[in-house]
Amino acid sequence: MNTNANLSTTNHWLIKSTRFLKESGIPTARLDCLVLLEYATKKDRSFLLAHPETVLQGPTLQRLDGWAERRAGHEPLSYIRGKSEFYGREFLVNENTLEPRPETEAMIDFVKSIVKSRENLVVADIGTGSGCIAISVKLEFPDIRIYATDIDVKCLEIARENSTRLNANVDFYEGNLLEPVVNKQIDMLLCNLPYVPNNHSLNKAAKFEPRHAIFGGVDGLDFYRQLFEQINGLTSKPTFVLTESLPLQHEELAKIATSNGYRLEKSEDFIQVFSN
């Protein structure tokens, strides 16, 4: 797509780019273009719509055209912008981290329902990625001690940066699942592990995300099997284990958990809560 090599107004760019994204199969074309305009100009949407003749030129116009090309290829807006919303806060993300999902926010709500009746909890977020779960829990409950693990060093770099930006005191550890915190007393595990079956087809946007953070074996539950094996090796098992998986996997995941001494407390949408 090429608007004008040197000059355009916001309205002209919005019209042409919206058409371009629609033709590329982006259902939220106009909204996405407005988000990109806000990001490029540092002006809010109301200003942009009230001042359609605002001039775009030089580097700003080139950036916008480049971003529109990337979005037309179905790259998620969060990767283009380098940030994503989760539980009312903005988190840095990149190609090394998953894009935070709205359905994952329910895990924070379940934590709230448990924490209300307990004090001095120690929580571990396993497979933290961008850190959005661990950081959100810490900011909602500052008195909780929270650990977060990930096997990917690049993910941990982003998670630590998010923790610093949002002023959340989280202890991050590199390693496979529970291994880095095996000697710590933990009351609750929060686990959003890769759970998509290997033969599952991805939409165009998901193909931009790191495959190792998406796929979890033939039935998608290999990482959860490994997790519960590690839990069995702990001197003291966590009282609660919260998991995210596809609803069609819930029955099998419950079997894995119950065979390792846990009982199912709640199952809602993508989230399950187990206790021992």
Protein backbone atom coordinates (compact mmCIF):
# COMPACT_ATOMS: atom_id res chain seq x y z
CA MET A 1 0.00 0.00 0.00
CA ASN A 2 1.22 3.48 -0.83
CA THR A 3 -0.73 6.58 0.17
CA ASN A 4 1.60 9.39 -0.86
CA ALA A 5 5.35 9.30 -0.61
CA ASN A 6 5.54 12.49 1.41
CA LEU A 7 2.17 13.81 2.56
CA SER A 8 -1.32 12.78 3.68
CA THR A 9 -4.04 13.87 6.09
CA THR A 10 -5.20 11.60 8.89
CA ASN A 11 -8.61 11.26 7.26
CA HIS A 12 -7.17 10.39 3.86
CA TRP A 13 -4.85 7.80 5.41
CA LEU A 14 -7.69 6.37 7.49
CA ILE A 15 -9.99 5.94 4.47
CA LYS A 16 -7.35 4.38 2.22
CA SER A 17 -5.86 2.14 4.91
CA THR A 18 -9.27 0.97 6.12
CA ARG A 19 -10.12 -0.08 2.57
CA PHE A 20 -6.72 -1.78 2.23
CA LEU A 21 -7.18 -3.80 5.43
CA LYS A 22 -10.76 -4.76 4.53
CA GLU A 23 -9.54 -6.04 1.17
CA SER A 24 -6.92 -8.06 3.08
CA GLY A 25 -9.60 -9.76 5.18
CA ILE A 26 -9.22 -7.78 8.42
CA PRO A 27 -12.72 -7.53 9.96
CA THR A 28 -11.74 -4.74 12.37
CA ALA A 29 -10.07 -2.64 9.67
CA ARG A 30 -11.25 0.84 10.67
CA LEU A 31 -10.71 0.27 14.39
CA ASP A 32 -7.23 -1.10 13.76
CA CYS A 33 -6.33 1.92 11.62
CA LEU A 34 -7.53 4.27 14.34
CA VAL A 35 -5.39 2.43 16.90
CA LEU A 36 -2.35 2.76 14.64
CA LEU A 37 -3.06 6.46 14.10
CA GLU A 38 -3.29 7.02 17.85
CA TYR A 39 -0.03 5.18 18.37
CA ALA A 40 1.82 7.04 15.60
CA THR A 41 0.58 10.56 16.33
CA LYS A 42 0.30 10.30 20.14
CA LYS A 43 -3.18 11.82 19.78
CA ASP A 44 -6.34 10.23 21.16
CA ARG A 45 -9.18 9.06 18.94
CA SER A 46 -11.50 11.95 19.71
CA PHE A 47 -8.84 14.46 18.59
CA LEU A 48 -8.12 12.54 15.38
CA LEU A 49 -11.80 12.32 14.44
CA ALA A 50 -12.39 15.99 15.29
CA HIS A 51 -9.34 17.10 13.23
CA PRO A 52 -9.46 15.00 10.05
CA GLU A 53 -7.21 17.41 8.15
CA THR A 54 -4.25 16.89 10.47
CA VAL A 55 -1.23 16.43 8.24
CA LEU A 56 0.86 13.27 8.28
CA GLN A 57 4.26 13.50 6.71
CA GLY A 58 7.76 12.10 6.60
CA PRO A 59 8.69 9.37 9.08
CA THR A 60 5.22 9.26 10.67
CA LEU A 61 3.54 8.49 7.37
CA GLN A 62 6.17 5.91 6.47
CA ARG A 63 5.73 4.15 9.83
CA LEU A 64 1.96 4.09 9.40
CA ASP A 65 2.17 2.66 5.90
CA GLY A 66 4.58 0.00 7.14
CA TRP A 67 2.30 -0.91 10.04
CA ALA A 68 -0.69 -1.13 7.71
CA GLU A 69 1.23 -3.54 5.50
CA ARG A 70 2.07 -5.70 8.52
CA ARG A 71 -1.54 -5.67 9.75
CA ALA A 72 -2.75 -6.57 6.25
CA GLY A 73 -0.59 -9.69 6.65
CA HIS A 74 -2.64 -10.47 9.80
CA GLU A 75 0.15 -9.68 12.25
CA PRO A 76 -1.52 -8.91 15.61
CA LEU A 77 -1.81 -5.24 16.52
CA SER A 78 -0.11 -5.98 19.82
CA TYR A 79 3.08 -7.07 18.05
CA ILE A 80 3.02 -4.05 15.77
CA ARG A 81 2.58 -1.71 18.74
CA GLY A 82 4.78 -3.79 21.05
CA LYS A 83 2.16 -3.74 23.81
CA SER A 84 -1.14 -5.33 24.78
CA GLU A 85 -3.89 -4.82 27.35
CA PHE A 86 -4.47 -7.32 30.15
CA TYR A 87 -6.67 -6.84 33.20
CA GLY A 88 -6.82 -3.09 32.67
CA ARG A 89 -3.08 -2.61 32.32
CA GLU A 90 -0.69 -2.27 29.42
CA PHE A 91 2.03 -4.92 29.00
CA LEU A 92 4.98 -5.01 26.65
CA VAL A 93 4.93 -7.96 24.25
CA ASN A 94 6.97 -9.11 21.27
CA GLU A 95 7.43 -12.10 18.99
CA ASN A 96 8.92 -14.09 21.90
CA THR A 97 5.77 -13.86 24.03
CA LEU A 98 2.18 -14.88 23.54
CA GLU A 99 -0.37 -12.14 23.07
CA PRO A 100 -2.33 -11.98 26.39
CA ARG A 101 -5.82 -13.42 25.94
CA PRO A 102 -9.03 -11.98 27.40
CA GLU A 103 -10.07 -15.46 28.58
CA THR A 104 -6.96 -15.64 30.76
CA GLU A 105 -8.21 -12.68 32.82
CA ALA A 106 -10.71 -15.06 34.45
CA MET A 107 -7.77 -16.69 36.22
CA ILE A 108 -7.14 -13.43 38.10
CA ASP A 109 -10.81 -13.37 39.14
CA PHE A 110 -10.54 -16.91 40.50
CA VAL A 111 -7.43 -15.92 42.45
CA LYS A 112 -9.39 -13.05 43.97
CA SER A 113 -12.14 -15.40 45.16
CA ILE A 114 -9.55 -17.64 46.86
CA VAL A 115 -7.34 -14.94 48.34
CA LYS A 116 -10.24 -13.21 50.10
CA SER A 117 -10.35 -15.93 52.74
CA ARG A 118 -6.61 -16.50 53.15
CA GLU A 119 -3.61 -14.52 54.27
CA ASN A 120 0.13 -14.63 53.55
CA LEU A 121 -0.22 -16.70 50.41
CA VAL A 122 2.77 -17.63 48.27
CA VAL A 123 1.88 -17.92 44.59
CA ALA A 124 3.88 -19.18 41.59
CA ASP A 125 3.07 -18.39 37.96
CA ILE A 126 4.42 -21.25 35.85
CA GLY A 127 5.28 -20.40 32.24
CA THR A 128 4.95 -16.69 32.85
CA GLY A 129 5.64 -15.42 29.30
CA SER A 130 5.14 -11.64 29.35
CA GLY A 131 4.50 -11.82 33.11
CA CYS A 132 0.95 -10.52 32.76
CA ILE A 133 -0.60 -13.07 35.17
CA ALA A 134 2.01 -12.81 37.92
CA ILE A 135 2.22 -9.02 37.71
CA SER A 136 -1.57 -8.58 37.69
CA VAL A 137 -1.94 -10.77 40.79
CA LYS A 138 0.83 -8.87 42.58
CA LEU A 139 -0.72 -5.50 41.77
CA GLU A 140 -4.17 -6.68 42.92
CA PHE A 141 -2.71 -8.16 46.13
CA PRO A 142 0.55 -6.40 47.05
CA ASP A 143 1.05 -8.53 50.19
CA ILE A 144 1.23 -11.79 48.24
CA ARG A 145 4.68 -13.24 47.62
CA ILE A 146 4.84 -14.28 43.98
CA TYR A 147 7.34 -16.23 41.94
CA ALA A 148 7.28 -16.61 38.16
CA THR A 149 9.13 -19.13 36.01
CA ASP A 150 9.81 -19.55 32.31
CA ILE A 151 12.21 -21.65 30.30
CA ASP A 152 12.68 -18.87 27.73
CA VAL A 153 15.23 -16.20 28.67
CA LYS A 154 13.80 -13.76 26.12
CA CYS A 155 10.36 -14.05 27.70
CA LEU A 156 11.84 -13.36 31.10
CA GLU A 157 13.50 -10.20 29.78
CA ILE A 158 10.09 -8.86 28.74
CA ALA A 159 8.45 -10.03 31.98
CA ARG A 160 11.07 -8.28 34.11
CA GLU A 161 10.69 -5.11 32.06
CA ASN A 162 6.92 -5.23 32.57
CA SER A 163 7.44 -5.78 36.28
CA THR A 164 9.68 -2.73 36.49
CA ARG A 165 7.38 -0.52 34.40
CA LEU A 166 4.33 -1.43 36.49
CA ASN A 167 6.19 -1.39 39.82
CA ALA A 168 5.30 -4.98 40.71
CA ASN A 169 7.70 -6.90 42.92
CA VAL A 170 7.80 -10.36 41.34
CA ASP A 171 10.67 -12.85 41.64
CA PHE A 172 11.47 -14.32 38.21
CA TYR A 173 13.33 -17.58 37.62
CA GLU A 174 14.60 -19.30 34.50
CA GLY A 175 13.87 -23.01 34.18
CA ASN A 176 11.44 -25.74 33.21
CA LEU A 177 8.06 -25.41 34.92
CA LEU A 178 8.49 -25.95 38.69
CA GLU A 179 12.19 -26.80 38.66
CA PRO A 180 13.45 -23.30 39.64
CA VAL A 181 11.12 -23.10 42.68
CA VAL A 182 11.13 -26.75 43.76
CA ASN A 183 12.59 -25.87 47.17
CA LYS A 184 10.10 -23.11 47.94
CA GLN A 185 6.89 -23.37 49.93
CA ILE A 186 4.08 -22.52 47.51
CA ASP A 187 0.37 -22.29 48.25
CA MET A 188 -1.01 -21.72 44.76
CA LEU A 189 0.12 -22.44 41.22
CA LEU A 190 -1.13 -20.40 38.24
CA CYS A 191 -0.54 -22.32 35.03
CA ASN A 192 -1.22 -21.13 31.51
CA LEU A 193 0.94 -23.70 29.75
CA PRO A 194 1.00 -24.52 26.02
CA TYR A 195 -2.16 -26.57 25.47
CA VAL A 196 -3.06 -26.52 21.77
CA PRO A 197 -2.92 -30.03 20.19
CA ASN A 198 -0.12 -30.39 17.64
CA ASN A 199 -2.47 -31.03 14.73
CA HIS A 200 -4.71 -28.05 15.52
CA SER A 201 -4.78 -25.45 12.76
CA LEU A 202 -3.98 -21.88 13.77
CA ASN A 203 -5.62 -18.71 12.55
CA LYS A 204 -3.46 -16.28 10.59
CA ALA A 205 -2.75 -14.05 13.61
CA ALA A 206 -1.66 -16.93 15.86
CA LYS A 207 0.96 -17.97 13.30
CA PHE A 208 2.97 -14.91 14.36
CA GLU A 209 3.21 -16.21 17.93
CA PRO A 210 6.00 -18.50 19.19
CA ARG A 211 5.02 -22.09 18.40
CA HIS A 212 6.73 -23.50 21.49
CA ALA A 213 4.36 -21.41 23.63
CA ILE A 214 1.27 -22.71 21.85
CA PHE A 215 1.50 -26.44 21.15
CA GLY A 216 1.39 -29.04 23.91
CA GLY A 217 1.69 -32.44 22.26
CA VAL A 218 -0.74 -34.78 20.52
CA ASP A 219 -3.65 -33.94 22.85
CA GLY A 220 -2.19 -30.63 24.06
CA LEU A 221 -1.71 -31.74 27.67
CA ASP A 222 1.90 -32.94 27.76
CA PHE A 223 3.11 -29.93 29.76
CA TYR A 224 0.33 -30.41 32.33
CA ARG A 225 1.29 -34.07 32.75
CA GLN A 226 4.87 -32.99 33.36
CA LEU A 227 3.70 -30.29 35.76
CA PHE A 228 1.72 -32.69 37.95
CA GLU A 229 4.64 -35.14 37.95
CA GLN A 230 6.81 -32.33 39.29
CA ILE A 231 4.17 -31.44 41.88
CA ASN A 232 4.29 -35.02 43.14
CA GLY A 233 8.00 -34.58 43.77
CA LEU A 234 7.47 -31.60 46.08
CA THR A 235 7.81 -32.02 49.82
CA SER A 236 4.68 -29.94 50.30
CA LYS A 237 2.11 -29.76 47.51
CA PRO A 238 0.42 -26.44 46.68
CA THR A 239 -3.12 -26.26 48.01
CA PHE A 240 -4.47 -24.82 44.77
CA VAL A 241 -3.58 -25.34 41.11
CA LEU A 242 -5.28 -23.12 38.55
CA THR A 243 -4.99 -24.12 34.89
CA GLU A 244 -6.00 -22.80 31.51
CA SER A 245 -6.86 -25.16 28.66
CA LEU A 246 -9.45 -25.70 25.96
CA PRO A 247 -12.89 -26.62 27.38
CA LEU A 248 -12.82 -29.90 25.42
CA GLN A 249 -9.63 -30.80 27.34
CA HIS A 250 -11.12 -30.23 30.78
CA GLU A 251 -12.26 -33.78 31.40
CA GLU A 252 -8.85 -35.27 30.59
CA LEU A 253 -6.99 -32.57 32.53
CA ALA A 254 -9.22 -33.26 35.54
CA LYS A 255 -8.25 -36.95 35.30
CA ILE A 256 -4.57 -35.98 35.31
CA ALA A 257 -5.07 -33.76 38.35
CA THR A 258 -7.19 -36.24 40.33
CA SER A 259 -4.76 -39.08 39.66
CA ASN A 260 -2.16 -36.89 41.35
CA GLY A 261 -4.16 -36.20 44.49
CA TYR A 262 -6.19 -33.13 43.48
CA ARG A 263 -9.91 -32.62 43.20
CA LEU A 264 -11.73 -30.35 40.81
CA GLU A 265 -13.27 -27.33 42.55
CA LYS A 266 -14.41 -25.23 39.59
CA SER A 267 -14.44 -25.41 35.81
CA GLU A 268 -15.52 -22.36 33.85
CA ASP A 269 -14.73 -21.43 30.25
CA PHE A 270 -10.98 -22.00 29.85
CA ILE A 271 -10.09 -22.08 33.56
CA GLN A 272 -10.09 -24.96 36.06
CA VAL A 273 -9.39 -24.77 39.79
CA PHE A 274 -8.00 -27.82 41.59
CA SER A 275 -7.30 -28.26 45.30
CA ASN A 276 -5.90 -30.99 47.50
